Amino acid sequence: MFEAAFFYETANVGLGDDFLDDMENAINSIRQWPEVGTEIADGFRRTLVRRFPFGIVYIVEPDCILVVAVAHLRRSPDYWKGRI
């Protein structure tokens, strides 16, 4: 996530901050409504990040929400599956 923010900031001043703001908004949505994401695998959900080609992959556990990946959706979007 921070590498992507650095990339965007290098490309255009302020864009990295916009990316992090959009990430924070997506994470807050997940925290408030854990079922908001689309189920993409058995129990795993993905929420898209506004304006950027990223998705947050997570699973809802009984006592927490576990973020598995912040995945670039145009570059190996399923790389996180090796983490299960």
PDB file of N, CA and C in Angstrom:
ATOM      1  N   MET A   1       0.828  -1.183   0.000  1.00  0.00           N
ATOM      2  CA  MET A   1       0.000   0.000   0.000  1.00  0.00           C
ATOM      3  C   MET A   1       0.878   1.254   0.000  1.00  0.00           C
ATOM      4  N   PHE A   2       1.918   1.241   0.851  1.00  0.00           N
ATOM      5  CA  PHE A   2       2.773   2.425   0.917  1.00  0.00           C
ATOM      6  C   PHE A   2       3.653   2.561  -0.320  1.00  0.00           C
ATOM      7  N   GLU A   3       4.045   1.428  -0.918  1.00  0.00           N
ATOM      8  CA  GLU A   3       4.790   1.481  -2.172  1.00  0.00           C
ATOM      9  C   GLU A   3       3.934   2.101  -3.269  1.00  0.00           C
ATOM     10  N   ALA A   4       2.668   1.726  -3.311  1.00  0.00           N
ATOM     11  CA  ALA A   4       1.759   2.291  -4.316  1.00  0.00           C
ATOM     12  C   ALA A   4       1.577   3.782  -4.074  1.00  0.00           C
ATOM     13  N   ALA A   5       1.419   4.187  -2.821  1.00  0.00           N
ATOM     14  CA  ALA A   5       1.264   5.606  -2.499  1.00  0.00           C
ATOM     15  C   ALA A   5       2.497   6.387  -2.945  1.00  0.00           C
ATOM     16  N   PHE A   6       3.686   5.829  -2.710  1.00  0.00           N
ATOM     17  CA  PHE A   6       4.925   6.482  -3.138  1.00  0.00           C
ATOM     18  C   PHE A   6       4.975   6.601  -4.656  1.00  0.00           C
ATOM     19  N   PHE A   7       4.593   5.522  -5.353  1.00  0.00           N
ATOM     20  CA  PHE A   7       4.558   5.549  -6.814  1.00  0.00           C
ATOM     21  C   PHE A   7       3.649   6.671  -7.319  1.00  0.00           C
ATOM     22  N   TYR A   8       2.428   6.741  -6.770  1.00  0.00           N
ATOM     23  CA  TYR A   8       1.481   7.769  -7.210  1.00  0.00           C
ATOM     24  C   TYR A   8       1.976   9.169  -6.866  1.00  0.00           C
ATOM     25  N   GLU A   9       2.591   9.331  -5.701  1.00  0.00           N
ATOM     26  CA  GLU A   9       3.100  10.648  -5.294  1.00  0.00           C
ATOM     27  C   GLU A   9       4.231  11.097  -6.208  1.00  0.00           C
ATOM     28  N   THR A  10       5.063  10.141  -6.627  1.00  0.00           N
ATOM     29  CA  THR A  10       6.168  10.449  -7.539  1.00  0.00           C
ATOM     30  C   THR A  10       5.630  10.856  -8.909  1.00  0.00           C
ATOM     31  N   ALA A  11       4.553  10.208  -9.322  1.00  0.00           N
ATOM     32  CA  ALA A  11       3.959  10.513 -10.629  1.00  0.00           C
ATOM     33  C   ALA A  11       3.279  11.873 -10.638  1.00  0.00           C
ATOM     34  N   ASN A  12       2.650  12.235  -9.510  1.00  0.00           N
ATOM     35  CA  ASN A  12       1.897  13.486  -9.449  1.00  0.00           C
ATOM     36  C   ASN A  12       1.749  13.898  -7.984  1.00  0.00           C
ATOM     37  N   VAL A  13       2.305  15.022  -7.620  1.00  0.00           N
ATOM     38  CA  VAL A  13       2.274  15.481  -6.232  1.00  0.00           C
ATOM     39  C   VAL A  13       0.827  15.560  -5.738  1.00  0.00           C
ATOM     40  N   GLY A  14       0.576  14.930  -4.605  1.00  0.00           N
ATOM     41  CA  GLY A  14      -0.756  14.909  -4.014  1.00  0.00           C
ATOM     42  C   GLY A  14      -1.541  13.644  -4.319  1.00  0.00           C
ATOM     43  N   LEU A  15      -1.143  12.951  -5.381  1.00  0.00           N
ATOM     44  CA  LEU A  15      -1.880  11.748  -5.776  1.00  0.00           C
ATOM     45  C   LEU A  15      -1.655  10.607  -4.783  1.00  0.00           C
ATOM     46  N   GLY A  16      -0.478  10.548  -4.195  1.00  0.00           N
ATOM     47  CA  GLY A  16      -0.206   9.539  -3.171  1.00  0.00           C
ATOM     48  C   GLY A  16      -1.107   9.726  -1.964  1.00  0.00           C
ATOM     49  N   ASP A  17      -1.296  10.984  -1.559  1.00  0.00           N
ATOM     50  CA  ASP A  17      -2.210  11.270  -0.445  1.00  0.00           C
ATOM     51  C   ASP A  17      -3.645  10.909  -0.807  1.00  0.00           C
ATOM     52  N   ASP A  18      -4.029  11.173  -2.048  1.00  0.00           N
ATOM     53  CA  ASP A  18      -5.377  10.806  -2.499  1.00  0.00           C
ATOM     54  C   ASP A  18      -5.566   9.286  -2.416  1.00  0.00           C
ATOM     55  N   PHE A  19      -4.538   8.549  -2.827  1.00  0.00           N
ATOM     56  CA  PHE A  19      -4.596   7.089  -2.764  1.00  0.00           C
ATOM     57  C   PHE A  19      -4.786   6.628  -1.321  1.00  0.00           C
ATOM     58  N   LEU A  20      -3.982   7.164  -0.409  1.00  0.00           N
ATOM     59  CA  LEU A  20      -4.099   6.767   0.999  1.00  0.00           C
ATOM     60  C   LEU A  20      -5.447   7.166   1.586  1.00  0.00           C
ATOM     61  N   ASP A  21      -5.977   8.313   1.187  1.00  0.00           N
ATOM     62  CA  ASP A  21      -7.312   8.724   1.644  1.00  0.00           C
ATOM     63  C   ASP A  21      -8.375   7.730   1.162  1.00  0.00           C
ATOM     64  N   ASP A  22      -8.265   7.315  -0.114  1.00  0.00           N
ATOM     65  CA  ASP A  22      -9.230   6.357  -0.648  1.00  0.00           C
ATOM     66  C   ASP A  22      -9.085   4.994   0.031  1.00  0.00           C
ATOM     67  N   MET A  23      -7.857   4.604   0.354  1.00  0.00           N
ATOM     68  CA  MET A  23      -7.628   3.358   1.096  1.00  0.00           C
ATOM     69  C   MET A  23      -8.287   3.447   2.474  1.00  0.00           C
ATOM     70  N   GLU A  24      -8.090   4.562   3.148  1.00  0.00           N
ATOM     71  CA  GLU A  24      -8.681   4.740   4.478  1.00  0.00           C
ATOM     72  C   GLU A  24     -10.204   4.681   4.412  1.00  0.00           C
ATOM     73  N   ASN A  25     -10.788   5.305   3.407  1.00  0.00           N
ATOM     74  CA  ASN A  25     -12.248   5.261   3.243  1.00  0.00           C
ATOM     75  C   ASN A  25     -12.734   3.833   3.015  1.00  0.00           C
ATOM     76  N   ALA A  26     -12.008   3.066   2.195  1.00  0.00           N
ATOM     77  CA  ALA A  26     -12.394   1.675   1.935  1.00  0.00           C
ATOM     78  C   ALA A  26     -12.278   0.844   3.212  1.00  0.00           C
ATOM     79  N   ILE A  27     -11.208   1.044   3.966  1.00  0.00           N
ATOM     80  CA  ILE A  27     -11.026   0.302   5.216  1.00  0.00           C
ATOM     81  C   ILE A  27     -12.105   0.670   6.225  1.00  0.00           C
ATOM     82  N   ASN A  28     -12.444   1.936   6.304  1.00  0.00           N
ATOM     83  CA  ASN A  28     -13.518   2.353   7.218  1.00  0.00           C
ATOM     84  C   ASN A  28     -14.858   1.731   6.824  1.00  0.00           C
ATOM     85  N   SER A  29     -15.107   1.614   5.524  1.00  0.00           N
ATOM     86  CA  SER A  29     -16.337   0.950   5.066  1.00  0.00           C
ATOM     87  C   SER A  29     -16.349  -0.510   5.485  1.00  0.00           C
ATOM     88  N   ILE A  30     -15.212  -1.170   5.345  1.00  0.00           N
ATOM     89  CA  ILE A  30     -15.109  -2.577   5.751  1.00  0.00           C
ATOM     90  C   ILE A  30     -15.340  -2.700   7.255  1.00  0.00           C
ATOM     91  N   ARG A  31     -14.757  -1.814   8.026  1.00  0.00           N
ATOM     92  CA  ARG A  31     -14.920  -1.863   9.484  1.00  0.00           C
ATOM     93  C   ARG A  31     -16.378  -1.655   9.884  1.00  0.00           C
ATOM     94  N   GLN A  32     -17.043  -0.732   9.200  1.00  0.00           N
ATOM     95  CA  GLN A  32     -18.432  -0.420   9.549  1.00  0.00           C
ATOM     96  C   GLN A  32     -19.404  -1.484   9.036  1.00  0.00           C
ATOM     97  N   TRP A  33     -19.154  -1.966   7.823  1.00  0.00           N
ATOM     98  CA  TRP A  33     -20.032  -2.961   7.198  1.00  0.00           C
ATOM     99  C   TRP A  33     -19.171  -4.101   6.653  1.00  0.00           C
ATOM    100  N   PRO A  34     -18.761  -5.048   7.483  1.00  0.00           N
ATOM    101  CA  PRO A  34     -17.844  -6.106   7.040  1.00  0.00           C
ATOM    102  C   PRO A  34     -18.334  -6.913   5.842  1.00  0.00           C
ATOM    103  N   GLU A  35     -19.626  -6.997   5.651  1.00  0.00           N
ATOM    104  CA  GLU A  35     -20.157  -7.786   4.533  1.00  0.00           C
ATOM    105  C   GLU A  35     -20.255  -6.977   3.245  1.00  0.00           C
ATOM    106  N   VAL A  36     -19.734  -5.756   3.228  1.00  0.00           N
ATOM    107  CA  VAL A  36     -19.860  -4.867   2.070  1.00  0.00           C
ATOM    108  C   VAL A  36     -19.121  -5.401   0.846  1.00  0.00           C
ATOM    109  N   GLY A  37     -18.022  -6.106   1.052  1.00  0.00           N
ATOM    110  CA  GLY A  37     -17.224  -6.582  -0.073  1.00  0.00           C
ATOM    111  C   GLY A  37     -17.862  -7.749  -0.783  1.00  0.00           C
ATOM    112  N   THR A  38     -17.507  -7.895  -2.037  1.00  0.00           N
ATOM    113  CA  THR A  38     -17.970  -9.003  -2.853  1.00  0.00           C
ATOM    114  C   THR A  38     -17.204 -10.261  -2.469  1.00  0.00           C
ATOM    115  N   GLU A  39     -17.902 -11.366  -2.272  1.00  0.00           N
ATOM    116  CA  GLU A  39     -17.220 -12.620  -1.965  1.00  0.00           C
ATOM    117  C   GLU A  39     -16.524 -13.112  -3.229  1.00  0.00           C
ATOM    118  N   ILE A  40     -15.213 -13.320  -3.126  1.00  0.00           N
ATOM    119  CA  ILE A  40     -14.427 -13.717  -4.300  1.00  0.00           C
ATOM    120  C   ILE A  40     -13.851 -15.130  -4.169  1.00  0.00           C
ATOM    121  N   ALA A  41     -13.882 -15.668  -2.982  1.00  0.00           N
ATOM    122  CA  ALA A  41     -13.442 -17.044  -2.711  1.00  0.00           C
ATOM    123  C   ALA A  41     -14.113 -17.448  -1.413  1.00  0.00           C
ATOM    124  N   ASP A  42     -13.970 -18.688  -1.034  1.00  0.00           N
ATOM    125  CA  ASP A  42     -14.648 -19.204   0.146  1.00  0.00           C
ATOM    126  C   ASP A  42     -14.340 -18.358   1.386  1.00  0.00           C
ATOM    127  N   GLY A  43     -15.258 -17.460   1.726  1.00  0.00           N
ATOM    128  CA  GLY A  43     -15.113 -16.615   2.903  1.00  0.00           C
ATOM    129  C   GLY A  43     -14.310 -15.349   2.684  1.00  0.00           C
ATOM    130  N   PHE A  44     -13.629 -15.233   1.566  1.00  0.00           N
ATOM    131  CA  PHE A  44     -12.812 -14.055   1.293  1.00  0.00           C
ATOM    132  C   PHE A  44     -13.627 -13.028   0.515  1.00  0.00           C
ATOM    133  N   ARG A  45     -13.445 -11.789   0.890  1.00  0.00           N
ATOM    134  CA  ARG A  45     -14.180 -10.690   0.256  1.00  0.00           C
ATOM    135  C   ARG A  45     -13.197  -9.674  -0.295  1.00  0.00           C
ATOM    136  N   ARG A  46     -13.686  -8.890  -1.254  1.00  0.00           N
ATOM    137  CA  ARG A  46     -12.862  -7.820  -1.817  1.00  0.00           C
ATOM    138  C   ARG A  46     -13.691  -6.554  -1.931  1.00  0.00           C
ATOM    139  N   THR A  47     -13.115  -5.486  -1.467  1.00  0.00           N
ATOM    140  CA  THR A  47     -13.706  -4.164  -1.626  1.00  0.00           C
ATOM    141  C   THR A  47     -12.807  -3.374  -2.563  1.00  0.00           C
ATOM    142  N   LEU A  48     -13.392  -2.721  -3.540  1.00  0.00           N
ATOM    143  CA  LEU A  48     -12.623  -1.928  -4.488  1.00  0.00           C
ATOM    144  C   LEU A  48     -12.302  -0.561  -3.893  1.00  0.00           C
ATOM    145  N   VAL A  49     -11.153  -0.035  -4.303  1.00  0.00           N
ATOM    146  CA  VAL A  49     -10.719   1.287  -3.857  1.00  0.00           C
ATOM    147  C   VAL A  49     -11.141   2.279  -4.932  1.00  0.00           C
ATOM    148  N   ARG A  50     -11.815   3.316  -4.504  1.00  0.00           N
ATOM    149  CA  ARG A  50     -12.318   4.332  -5.438  1.00  0.00           C
ATOM    150  C   ARG A  50     -11.156   4.996  -6.173  1.00  0.00           C
ATOM    151  N   ARG A  51     -11.289   5.193  -7.462  1.00  0.00           N
ATOM    152  CA  ARG A  51     -10.353   5.909  -8.327  1.00  0.00           C
ATOM    153  C   ARG A  51      -9.058   5.185  -8.645  1.00  0.00           C
ATOM    154  N   PHE A  52      -8.757   4.104  -7.982  1.00  0.00           N
ATOM    155  CA  PHE A  52      -7.485   3.421  -8.197  1.00  0.00           C
ATOM    156  C   PHE A  52      -7.738   1.938  -8.465  1.00  0.00           C
ATOM    157  N   PRO A  53      -6.865   1.295  -9.251  1.00  0.00           N
ATOM    158  CA  PRO A  53      -7.091  -0.115  -9.611  1.00  0.00           C
ATOM    159  C   PRO A  53      -6.619  -1.089  -8.523  1.00  0.00           C
ATOM    160  N   PHE A  54      -7.112  -0.888  -7.322  1.00  0.00           N
ATOM    161  CA  PHE A  54      -6.746  -1.723  -6.187  1.00  0.00           C
ATOM    162  C   PHE A  54      -7.980  -2.255  -5.492  1.00  0.00           C
ATOM    163  N   GLY A  55      -7.809  -3.416  -4.883  1.00  0.00           N
ATOM    164  CA  GLY A  55      -8.857  -4.000  -4.060  1.00  0.00           C
ATOM    165  C   GLY A  55      -8.259  -4.437  -2.739  1.00  0.00           C
ATOM    166  N   ILE A  56      -9.053  -4.376  -1.693  1.00  0.00           N
ATOM    167  CA  ILE A  56      -8.640  -4.862  -0.381  1.00  0.00           C
ATOM    168  C   ILE A  56      -9.288  -6.223  -0.196  1.00  0.00           C
ATOM    169  N   VAL A  57      -8.468  -7.247  -0.038  1.00  0.00           N
ATOM    170  CA  VAL A  57      -8.950  -8.614   0.147  1.00  0.00           C
ATOM    171  C   VAL A  57      -8.908  -8.902   1.644  1.00  0.00           C
ATOM    172  N   TYR A  58     -10.020  -9.396   2.165  1.00  0.00           N
ATOM    173  CA  TYR A  58     -10.101  -9.629   3.610  1.00  0.00           C
ATOM    174  C   TYR A  58     -11.041 -10.776   3.920  1.00  0.00           C
ATOM    175  N   ILE A  59     -10.960 -11.230   5.148  1.00  0.00           N
ATOM    176  CA  ILE A  59     -11.858 -12.260   5.641  1.00  0.00           C
ATOM    177  C   ILE A  59     -12.393 -11.797   6.993  1.00  0.00           C
ATOM    178  N   VAL A  60     -13.668 -12.043   7.226  1.00  0.00           N
ATOM    179  CA  VAL A  60     -14.299 -11.658   8.493  1.00  0.00           C
ATOM    180  C   VAL A  60     -14.188 -12.837   9.445  1.00  0.00           C
ATOM    181  N   GLU A  61     -13.445 -12.641  10.519  1.00  0.00           N
ATOM    182  CA  GLU A  61     -13.277 -13.645  11.569  1.00  0.00           C
ATOM    183  C   GLU A  61     -14.251 -13.300  12.705  1.00  0.00           C
ATOM    184  N   PRO A  62     -14.503 -14.225  13.627  1.00  0.00           N
ATOM    185  CA  PRO A  62     -15.437 -13.938  14.721  1.00  0.00           C
ATOM    186  C   PRO A  62     -15.057 -12.716  15.562  1.00  0.00           C
ATOM    187  N   ASP A  63     -13.762 -12.485  15.744  1.00  0.00           N
ATOM    188  CA  ASP A  63     -13.347 -11.384  16.616  1.00  0.00           C
ATOM    189  C   ASP A  63     -12.528 -10.309  15.914  1.00  0.00           C
ATOM    190  N   CYS A  64     -12.369 -10.413  14.583  1.00  0.00           N
ATOM    191  CA  CYS A  64     -11.593  -9.399  13.861  1.00  0.00           C
ATOM    192  C   CYS A  64     -11.859  -9.492  12.363  1.00  0.00           C
ATOM    193  N   ILE A  65     -11.328  -8.524  11.657  1.00  0.00           N
ATOM    194  CA  ILE A  65     -11.330  -8.536  10.196  1.00  0.00           C
ATOM    195  C   ILE A  65      -9.864  -8.622   9.789  1.00  0.00           C
ATOM    196  N   LEU A  66      -9.514  -9.648   9.049  1.00  0.00           N
ATOM    197  CA  LEU A  66      -8.132  -9.871   8.650  1.00  0.00           C
ATOM    198  C   LEU A  66      -7.946  -9.445   7.198  1.00  0.00           C
ATOM    199  N   VAL A  67      -7.107  -8.440   7.000  1.00  0.00           N
ATOM    200  CA  VAL A  67      -6.781  -8.003   5.645  1.00  0.00           C
ATOM    201  C   VAL A  67      -5.672  -8.904   5.135  1.00  0.00           C
ATOM    202  N   VAL A  68      -5.945  -9.581   4.032  1.00  0.00           N
ATOM    203  CA  VAL A  68      -5.006 -10.533   3.454  1.00  0.00           C
ATOM    204  C   VAL A  68      -4.099  -9.845   2.442  1.00  0.00           C
ATOM    205  N   ALA A  69      -4.651  -8.878   1.707  1.00  0.00           N
ATOM    206  CA  ALA A  69      -3.859  -8.226   0.660  1.00  0.00           C
ATOM    207  C   ALA A  69      -4.481  -6.904   0.244  1.00  0.00           C
ATOM    208  N   VAL A  70      -3.608  -6.037  -0.217  1.00  0.00           N
ATOM    209  CA  VAL A  70      -4.015  -4.854  -0.973  1.00  0.00           C
ATOM    210  C   VAL A  70      -3.515  -5.168  -2.374  1.00  0.00           C
ATOM    211  N   ALA A  71      -4.429  -5.577  -3.236  1.00  0.00           N
ATOM    212  CA  ALA A  71      -4.063  -6.146  -4.528  1.00  0.00           C
ATOM    213  C   ALA A  71      -4.293  -5.180  -5.682  1.00  0.00           C
ATOM    214  N   HIS A  72      -3.265  -5.021  -6.520  1.00  0.00           N
ATOM    215  CA  HIS A  72      -3.408  -4.280  -7.764  1.00  0.00           C
ATOM    216  C   HIS A  72      -4.225  -5.163  -8.697  1.00  0.00           C
ATOM    217  N   LEU A  73      -5.314  -4.668  -9.192  1.00  0.00           N
ATOM    218  CA  LEU A  73      -6.261  -5.501  -9.941  1.00  0.00           C
ATOM    219  C   LEU A  73      -5.875  -5.730 -11.394  1.00  0.00           C
ATOM    220  N   ARG A  74      -4.846  -5.042 -11.857  1.00  0.00           N
ATOM    221  CA  ARG A  74      -4.394  -5.245 -13.232  1.00  0.00           C
ATOM    222  C   ARG A  74      -3.072  -5.997 -13.298  1.00  0.00           C
ATOM    223  N   ARG A  75      -2.491  -6.283 -12.139  1.00  0.00           N
ATOM    224  CA  ARG A  75      -1.209  -7.011 -12.075  1.00  0.00           C
ATOM    225  C   ARG A  75      -1.348  -8.168 -11.101  1.00  0.00           C
ATOM    226  N   SER A  76      -1.465  -9.342 -11.592  1.00  0.00           N
ATOM    227  CA  SER A  76      -1.568 -10.540 -10.752  1.00  0.00           C
ATOM    228  C   SER A  76      -2.543 -10.354  -9.593  1.00  0.00           C
ATOM    229  N   PRO A  77      -3.810 -10.109  -9.872  1.00  0.00           N
ATOM    230  CA  PRO A  77      -4.759  -9.824  -8.795  1.00  0.00           C
ATOM    231  C   PRO A  77      -4.997 -10.995  -7.852  1.00  0.00           C
ATOM    232  N   ASP A  78      -4.607 -12.198  -8.233  1.00  0.00           N
ATOM    233  CA  ASP A  78      -4.828 -13.359  -7.385  1.00  0.00           C
ATOM    234  C   ASP A  78      -3.588 -13.817  -6.632  1.00  0.00           C
ATOM    235  N   TYR A  79      -2.539 -12.970  -6.592  1.00  0.00           N
ATOM    236  CA  TYR A  79      -1.300 -13.371  -5.933  1.00  0.00           C
ATOM    237  C   TYR A  79      -1.503 -13.703  -4.461  1.00  0.00           C
ATOM    238  N   TRP A  80      -2.497 -13.129  -3.854  1.00  0.00           N
ATOM    239  CA  TRP A  80      -2.755 -13.316  -2.426  1.00  0.00           C
ATOM    240  C   TRP A  80      -3.194 -14.745  -2.099  1.00  0.00           C
ATOM    241  N   LYS A  81      -3.667 -15.488  -3.097  1.00  0.00           N
ATOM    242  CA  LYS A  81      -4.163 -16.840  -2.821  1.00  0.00           C
ATOM    243  C   LYS A  81      -3.076 -17.749  -2.263  1.00  0.00           C
ATOM    244  N   GLY A  82      -1.830 -17.451  -2.518  1.00  0.00           N
ATOM    245  CA  GLY A  82      -0.727 -18.219  -1.961  1.00  0.00           C
ATOM    246  C   GLY A  82      -0.543 -17.970  -0.466  1.00  0.00           C
ATOM    247  N   ARG A  83      -1.224 -16.990   0.064  1.00  0.00           N
ATOM    248  CA  ARG A  83      -1.124 -16.653   1.494  1.00  0.00           C
ATOM    249  C   ARG A  83      -2.090 -17.435   2.360  1.00  0.00           C
ATOM    250  N   ILE A  84      -3.039 -18.153   1.732  1.00  0.00           N
ATOM    251  CA  ILE A  84      -4.040 -18.857   2.541  1.00  0.00           C
ATOM    252  C   ILE A  84      -3.486 -20.164   3.058  1.00  0.00           C
TER     253      ILE A  84
END
